[in-house]
């Protein structure tokens, strides 16, 4: 990572704390690190069929009193998709109207092969393979790869890629993402979910359909071991859906407990908070209003676009090495 950062002209951190961590680890790069929070834009598919989705998920419960808790994550250990499964299954036995639906891709060997081929070819004009469609209407391509300790992303290229060799804009996520492919863990997740009552596993879906599912669910759940800045959490806030997130630094940076969402420290506390949310409509309303206000104030996609366009235009105007 130090080598990449040394070649980069700019580096972007989501938060001031990430910037401080990066400056501490790579002091030689402190002058090139900028802070820009992740921008959020949502566009639910207005024609999405919720009833068909529930049927696909084998949920027969009447929608009148149904409470779907949605977990969006890849089947990777850092996302810890099994963290809440046992506690939720036990709760479902007591209250059949609650379901947890896990939506997310399993990153295959083919995905990684295509990803690395594109990532390592500096003059490639082919889009980089991504697990989900880009969230923002920006003129950029995203490159994600893992180092031993950090995730980085390449950002906009408004001119041919060959003109920007060694002109990289690095984006710090500051999260240990683990391996891209873990077929053993993927099989473990599928097997356990299949045995768990009240828990469903759904493959990835188009971005606008996923936003429609978020909009229709009762609450968005995040159970990750580590996060840089969860777009799913911010998208749920933008879509006016309550958030229950595991109390880790990355989540606590965007979720203020009992203000913009609810933070839990273990599966039992999650169930307690979920029950409280169901029984307290006033709390639901308050969290939704505060969350939407927070996203609009601090996670504007226009501001993110303007920052990256400014950096790229700076690169375009700088002399060749």
Protein backbone atom coordinates (compact mmCIF):
# COMPACT_ATOMS: atom_id res chain seq x y z
CA UNK A 1 0.00 0.00 0.00
CA UNK A 2 2.86 2.38 0.77
CA UNK A 3 4.21 1.86 -2.75
CA UNK A 4 0.83 2.62 -4.31
CA UNK A 5 0.41 5.70 -2.17
CA UNK A 6 3.89 6.84 -3.10
CA UNK A 7 2.91 6.77 -6.80
CA UNK A 8 -0.47 8.42 -6.21
CA UNK A 9 -0.98 12.13 -6.76
CA UNK A 10 -3.90 12.31 -4.36
CA UNK A 11 -5.43 10.16 -1.62
CA UNK A 12 -8.98 10.50 -0.33
CA UNK A 13 -10.19 9.37 3.09
CA UNK A 14 -13.86 9.10 4.04
CA UNK A 15 -13.31 10.67 7.48
CA UNK A 16 -10.80 12.76 9.40
CA UNK A 17 -9.99 9.74 11.58
CA UNK A 18 -9.09 7.69 8.49
CA UNK A 19 -6.90 10.56 7.31
CA UNK A 20 -5.14 10.64 10.68
CA UNK A 21 -4.54 6.87 10.53
CA UNK A 22 -3.12 7.12 7.02
CA UNK A 23 -0.84 10.05 7.91
CA UNK A 24 0.45 8.13 10.91
CA UNK A 25 1.25 5.03 8.86
CA UNK A 26 2.55 6.85 5.77
CA UNK A 27 3.90 10.24 6.93
CA UNK A 28 5.54 10.84 3.55
CA UNK A 29 2.07 11.14 1.99
CA UNK A 30 0.46 13.53 4.47
CA UNK A 31 0.41 16.39 1.98
CA UNK A 32 -1.65 14.53 -0.60
CA UNK A 33 -4.52 13.22 1.60
CA UNK A 34 -7.95 14.82 1.29
CA UNK A 35 -11.18 14.08 3.17
CA UNK A 36 -14.42 13.45 1.29
CA UNK A 37 -17.27 11.45 2.77
CA UNK A 38 -19.09 8.93 0.62
CA UNK A 39 -21.86 10.44 -1.44
CA UNK A 40 -25.24 8.72 -1.63
CA UNK A 41 -27.93 8.67 -4.30
CA UNK A 42 -30.82 6.21 -4.34
CA UNK A 43 -33.23 5.38 -7.14
CA UNK A 44 -35.72 2.62 -6.24
CA UNK A 45 -37.44 0.78 -9.07
CA UNK A 46 -41.01 2.07 -8.88
CA UNK A 47 -42.27 -0.99 -10.76
CA UNK A 48 -40.68 -3.46 -8.36
CA UNK A 49 -43.06 -6.25 -7.25
CA UNK A 50 -42.68 -6.66 -3.48
CA UNK A 51 -45.13 -9.55 -3.29
CA UNK A 52 -43.18 -11.45 -5.95
CA UNK A 53 -39.98 -10.81 -4.01
CA UNK A 54 -41.52 -12.23 -0.84
CA UNK A 55 -42.73 -15.27 -2.77
CA UNK A 56 -39.24 -15.75 -4.19
CA UNK A 57 -37.88 -15.60 -0.64
CA UNK A 58 -40.46 -18.18 0.46
CA UNK A 59 -42.12 -15.76 2.89
CA UNK A 60 -45.81 -16.58 3.11
CA UNK A 61 -46.65 -14.21 5.95
CA UNK A 62 -49.33 -11.57 5.37
CA UNK A 63 -47.77 -8.21 4.57
CA UNK A 64 -50.10 -6.50 7.05
CA UNK A 65 -47.99 -7.42 10.06
CA UNK A 66 -44.79 -8.55 8.35
CA UNK A 67 -41.44 -7.18 9.56
CA UNK A 68 -38.51 -7.83 7.22
CA UNK A 69 -35.03 -7.03 8.49
CA UNK A 70 -32.68 -6.69 5.53
CA UNK A 71 -28.97 -7.49 5.63
CA UNK A 72 -27.07 -6.49 2.47
CA UNK A 73 -23.62 -8.01 2.31
CA UNK A 74 -21.28 -10.20 0.32
CA UNK A 75 -20.74 -13.70 1.68
CA UNK A 76 -17.43 -12.86 3.31
CA UNK A 77 -16.27 -13.32 6.87
CA UNK A 78 -15.64 -9.60 7.40
CA UNK A 79 -19.38 -9.03 6.80
CA UNK A 80 -20.24 -11.74 9.36
CA UNK A 81 -23.60 -12.66 7.79
CA UNK A 82 -24.13 -15.47 10.33
CA UNK A 83 -23.67 -13.25 13.39
CA UNK A 84 -27.40 -12.79 14.02
CA UNK A 85 -28.78 -15.98 12.47
CA UNK A 86 -29.19 -18.08 15.63
CA UNK A 87 -30.70 -15.26 17.69
CA UNK A 88 -33.02 -14.27 14.87
CA UNK A 89 -34.18 -17.83 14.27
CA UNK A 90 -35.02 -18.16 17.95
CA UNK A 91 -36.94 -14.88 17.84
CA UNK A 92 -38.83 -16.02 14.73
CA UNK A 93 -39.99 -19.10 16.64
CA UNK A 94 -41.63 -16.74 19.15
CA UNK A 95 -42.81 -14.18 16.58
CA UNK A 96 -43.46 -15.69 13.11
CA UNK A 97 -44.00 -12.25 11.54
CA UNK A 98 -40.30 -11.33 11.70
CA UNK A 99 -37.88 -12.38 8.99
CA UNK A 100 -34.27 -11.62 8.22
CA UNK A 101 -33.40 -11.55 4.52
CA UNK A 102 -29.74 -11.59 3.51
CA UNK A 103 -29.13 -10.13 0.05
CA UNK A 104 -25.71 -10.19 -1.50
CA UNK A 105 -23.32 -11.64 -4.02
CA UNK A 106 -20.92 -14.51 -3.59
CA UNK A 107 -17.70 -13.39 -5.24
CA UNK A 108 -16.59 -16.21 -7.48
CA UNK A 109 -13.22 -17.21 -8.86
CA UNK A 110 -14.36 -15.91 -12.27
CA UNK A 111 -15.19 -12.52 -10.75
CA UNK A 112 -11.74 -12.24 -9.17
CA UNK A 113 -9.97 -13.39 -12.33
CA UNK A 114 -11.72 -10.75 -14.46
CA UNK A 115 -11.20 -8.15 -11.75
CA UNK A 116 -7.45 -8.69 -11.50
CA UNK A 117 -7.02 -8.81 -15.26
CA UNK A 118 -8.69 -5.41 -15.64
CA UNK A 119 -7.06 -3.93 -12.55
CA UNK A 120 -3.54 -4.83 -13.61
CA UNK A 121 -3.93 -3.57 -17.19
CA UNK A 122 -3.30 0.21 -17.07
CA UNK A 123 -4.45 0.82 -20.63
CA UNK A 124 -7.61 -1.23 -20.49
CA UNK A 125 -10.80 0.61 -21.41
CA UNK A 126 -13.05 -2.24 -20.32
CA UNK A 127 -15.25 -1.56 -17.29
CA UNK A 128 -13.91 -3.15 -14.13
CA UNK A 129 -16.07 -6.00 -12.80
CA UNK A 130 -18.06 -4.92 -9.75
CA UNK A 131 -20.37 -6.87 -7.47
CA UNK A 132 -22.97 -4.13 -7.45
CA UNK A 133 -23.76 -1.35 -9.88
CA UNK A 134 -22.19 2.06 -9.12
CA UNK A 135 -24.23 3.96 -6.56
CA UNK A 136 -23.46 7.44 -7.86
CA UNK A 137 -24.17 9.06 -11.23
CA UNK A 138 -20.50 9.99 -11.62
CA UNK A 139 -18.29 9.66 -14.69
CA UNK A 140 -15.97 7.19 -13.06
CA UNK A 141 -14.92 3.59 -12.79
CA UNK A 142 -14.20 1.96 -9.46
CA UNK A 143 -11.36 -0.37 -8.68
CA UNK A 144 -11.36 -2.20 -5.39
CA UNK A 145 -8.59 -4.41 -4.23
CA UNK A 146 -7.24 -5.57 -0.91
CA UNK A 147 -3.82 -5.06 0.57
CA UNK A 148 -2.78 -6.59 3.87
CA UNK A 149 -4.51 -3.90 5.87
CA UNK A 150 -6.37 -1.44 3.68
CA UNK A 151 -8.78 -1.21 0.79
CA UNK A 152 -8.19 1.31 -1.99
CA UNK A 153 -10.18 2.44 -4.96
CA UNK A 154 -9.20 4.15 -8.18
CA UNK A 155 -11.36 7.09 -9.09
CA UNK A 156 -12.40 9.08 -12.15
CA UNK A 157 -10.54 8.90 -15.42
CA UNK A 158 -11.96 11.45 -17.82
CA UNK A 159 -9.23 10.90 -20.42
CA UNK A 160 -7.90 7.61 -21.84
CA UNK A 161 -6.40 5.44 -19.15
CA UNK A 162 -2.97 5.42 -20.81
CA UNK A 163 -2.63 9.15 -20.19
CA UNK A 164 -2.93 8.60 -16.46
CA UNK A 165 -0.36 5.92 -15.82
CA UNK A 166 1.12 6.62 -12.36
CA UNK A 167 -1.56 9.25 -11.77
CA UNK A 168 -3.76 7.41 -9.33
CA UNK A 169 -6.25 8.81 -6.87
CA UNK A 170 -6.33 6.48 -3.87
CA UNK A 171 -9.39 6.21 -1.65
CA UNK A 172 -8.87 4.89 1.87
CA UNK A 173 -11.54 2.63 3.31
CA UNK A 174 -9.43 1.59 6.30
CA UNK A 175 -11.10 -1.77 6.74
CA UNK A 176 -9.79 -5.30 6.76
CA UNK A 177 -11.82 -6.91 4.04
CA UNK A 178 -10.37 -10.39 4.08
CA UNK A 179 -10.16 -12.56 1.01
CA UNK A 180 -12.28 -11.96 -2.06
CA UNK A 181 -13.16 -15.62 -2.45
CA UNK A 182 -13.92 -18.06 0.34
CA UNK A 183 -15.91 -20.97 -1.10
CA UNK A 184 -15.82 -22.88 2.20
CA UNK A 185 -17.38 -19.96 4.07
CA UNK A 186 -19.92 -19.43 1.30
CA UNK A 187 -21.07 -23.04 1.63
CA UNK A 188 -21.22 -22.67 5.41
CA UNK A 189 -23.46 -19.60 5.12
CA UNK A 190 -25.81 -21.29 2.68
CA UNK A 191 -26.07 -24.43 4.78
CA UNK A 192 -26.74 -22.60 8.04
CA UNK A 193 -29.30 -20.24 6.54
CA UNK A 194 -31.09 -23.20 4.98
CA UNK A 195 -31.48 -24.74 8.44
CA UNK A 196 -32.50 -21.50 10.20
CA UNK A 197 -36.15 -20.64 10.53
CA UNK A 198 -37.10 -17.11 9.60
CA UNK A 199 -33.86 -16.40 7.74
CA UNK A 200 -33.60 -16.24 3.95
CA UNK A 201 -30.69 -15.84 1.53
CA UNK A 202 -31.30 -14.05 -1.77
CA UNK A 203 -28.76 -13.61 -4.60
CA UNK A 204 -27.63 -10.18 -5.70
CA UNK A 205 -30.03 -8.06 -7.73
CA UNK A 206 -29.96 -4.89 -9.85
CA UNK A 207 -29.29 -1.71 -7.89
CA UNK A 208 -32.70 -0.12 -8.47
CA UNK A 209 -34.45 -3.34 -7.38
CA UNK A 210 -32.27 -3.51 -4.28
CA UNK A 211 -33.17 0.07 -3.37
CA UNK A 212 -36.84 -0.87 -3.80
CA UNK A 213 -36.37 -3.79 -1.39
CA UNK A 214 -34.68 -1.51 1.14
CA UNK A 215 -37.55 0.95 0.83
CA UNK A 216 -40.13 -1.80 1.52
CA UNK A 217 -38.34 -3.57 4.38
CA UNK A 218 -38.92 -2.72 8.03
CA UNK A 219 -35.27 -2.06 8.90
CA UNK A 220 -31.78 -2.30 7.45
CA UNK A 221 -29.27 -4.40 9.42
CA UNK A 222 -25.47 -4.28 9.40
CA UNK A 223 -23.54 -7.00 11.29
CA UNK A 224 -20.04 -6.46 9.90
CA UNK A 225 -16.89 -7.05 11.92
CA UNK A 226 -15.33 -4.03 10.21
CA UNK A 227 -16.56 -1.25 7.94
CA UNK A 228 -15.00 1.74 6.28
CA UNK A 229 -18.25 3.58 5.60
CA UNK A 230 -21.28 1.42 4.85
CA UNK A 231 -23.11 2.63 1.76
CA UNK A 232 -26.02 0.30 2.60
CA UNK A 233 -26.55 2.10 5.91
CA UNK A 234 -26.47 5.51 4.26
CA UNK A 235 -28.77 4.37 1.45
CA UNK A 236 -31.29 3.08 4.00
CA UNK A 237 -31.22 6.46 5.77
CA UNK A 238 -31.77 8.20 2.43
CA UNK A 239 -34.71 5.87 1.72
CA UNK A 240 -36.23 6.64 5.14
CA UNK A 241 -35.71 3.17 6.62
CA UNK A 242 -34.54 2.61 10.21
CA UNK A 243 -31.04 1.21 10.71
CA UNK A 244 -29.78 -1.32 13.26
CA UNK A 245 -26.01 -1.64 13.07
CA UNK A 246 -23.32 -3.52 14.93
CA UNK A 247 -21.44 -1.20 17.25
CA UNK A 248 -18.06 -0.99 15.51
CA UNK A 249 -16.07 2.19 14.78
CA UNK A 250 -17.02 2.39 11.11
CA UNK A 251 -20.73 2.12 11.86
CA UNK A 252 -20.62 4.36 14.92
CA UNK A 253 -19.07 7.05 12.71
CA UNK A 254 -22.34 7.36 10.76
CA UNK A 255 -24.93 6.00 13.21
CA UNK A 256 -25.58 7.89 16.42
CA UNK A 257 -27.39 5.56 18.82
CA UNK A 258 -31.05 6.47 19.28
CA UNK A 259 -30.61 9.50 17.01
CA UNK A 260 -29.94 8.29 13.44
CA UNK A 261 -30.19 4.58 14.18
CA UNK A 262 -29.66 1.88 16.78
CA UNK A 263 -26.32 0.26 17.65
CA UNK A 264 -26.07 -3.24 19.13
CA UNK A 265 -23.09 -5.01 20.68
CA UNK A 266 -24.31 -8.63 20.55
CA UNK A 267 -27.12 -10.67 18.99
CA UNK A 268 -29.23 -10.54 22.14
CA UNK A 269 -29.10 -6.75 22.21
CA UNK A 270 -30.03 -6.70 18.54
CA UNK A 271 -33.21 -8.65 19.27
CA UNK A 272 -34.06 -6.35 22.18
CA UNK A 273 -33.60 -3.24 20.06
CA UNK A 274 -35.50 -4.75 17.13
CA UNK A 275 -38.46 -5.53 19.40
CA UNK A 276 -38.33 -2.00 20.77
CA UNK A 277 -38.34 -0.56 17.26
CA UNK A 278 -41.39 -2.61 16.29
CA UNK A 279 -43.31 -1.54 19.37
CA UNK A 280 -42.38 2.16 19.25
CA UNK A 281 -43.64 3.95 16.09
CA UNK A 282 -42.51 7.30 17.49
CA UNK A 283 -38.93 6.04 17.71
CA UNK A 284 -39.15 4.73 14.13
CA UNK A 285 -40.31 8.12 12.91
CA UNK A 286 -37.60 9.99 14.80
CA UNK A 287 -34.78 7.74 13.56
CA UNK A 288 -35.99 7.97 9.98
CA UNK A 289 -36.25 11.77 10.04
CA UNK A 290 -32.85 12.22 11.66
CA UNK A 291 -31.19 9.70 9.35
CA UNK A 292 -32.53 11.34 6.20
CA UNK A 293 -31.46 14.77 7.47
CA UNK A 294 -27.97 13.46 8.27
CA UNK A 295 -27.44 11.93 4.82
CA UNK A 296 -28.61 15.03 3.01
CA UNK A 297 -26.33 17.22 5.10
CA UNK A 298 -23.13 15.15 5.12
CA UNK A 299 -23.29 12.67 2.23
CA UNK A 300 -24.23 14.65 -0.85
CA UNK A 301 -23.34 12.85 -4.07
CA UNK A 302 -22.96 16.26 -5.74
CA UNK A 303 -20.24 17.21 -3.25
CA UNK A 304 -18.43 13.92 -3.81
CA UNK A 305 -18.66 14.36 -7.58
CA UNK A 306 -17.29 17.89 -7.38
CA UNK A 307 -14.34 16.78 -5.22
CA UNK A 308 -13.26 13.98 -7.56
CA UNK A 309 -13.81 16.05 -10.67
CA UNK A 310 -11.60 18.75 -9.18
CA UNK A 311 -8.85 16.24 -8.42
CA UNK A 312 -9.04 14.69 -11.88
CA UNK A 313 -8.96 18.08 -13.59
CA UNK A 314 -5.90 18.88 -11.50
CA UNK A 315 -4.30 15.70 -12.86
CA UNK A 316 -5.25 16.63 -16.41
CA UNK A 317 -3.58 19.98 -16.08
CA UNK A 318 -0.38 18.77 -14.41
CA UNK A 319 2.79 18.25 -16.48
CA UNK A 320 3.78 14.77 -17.60
CA UNK A 321 6.52 13.04 -15.58
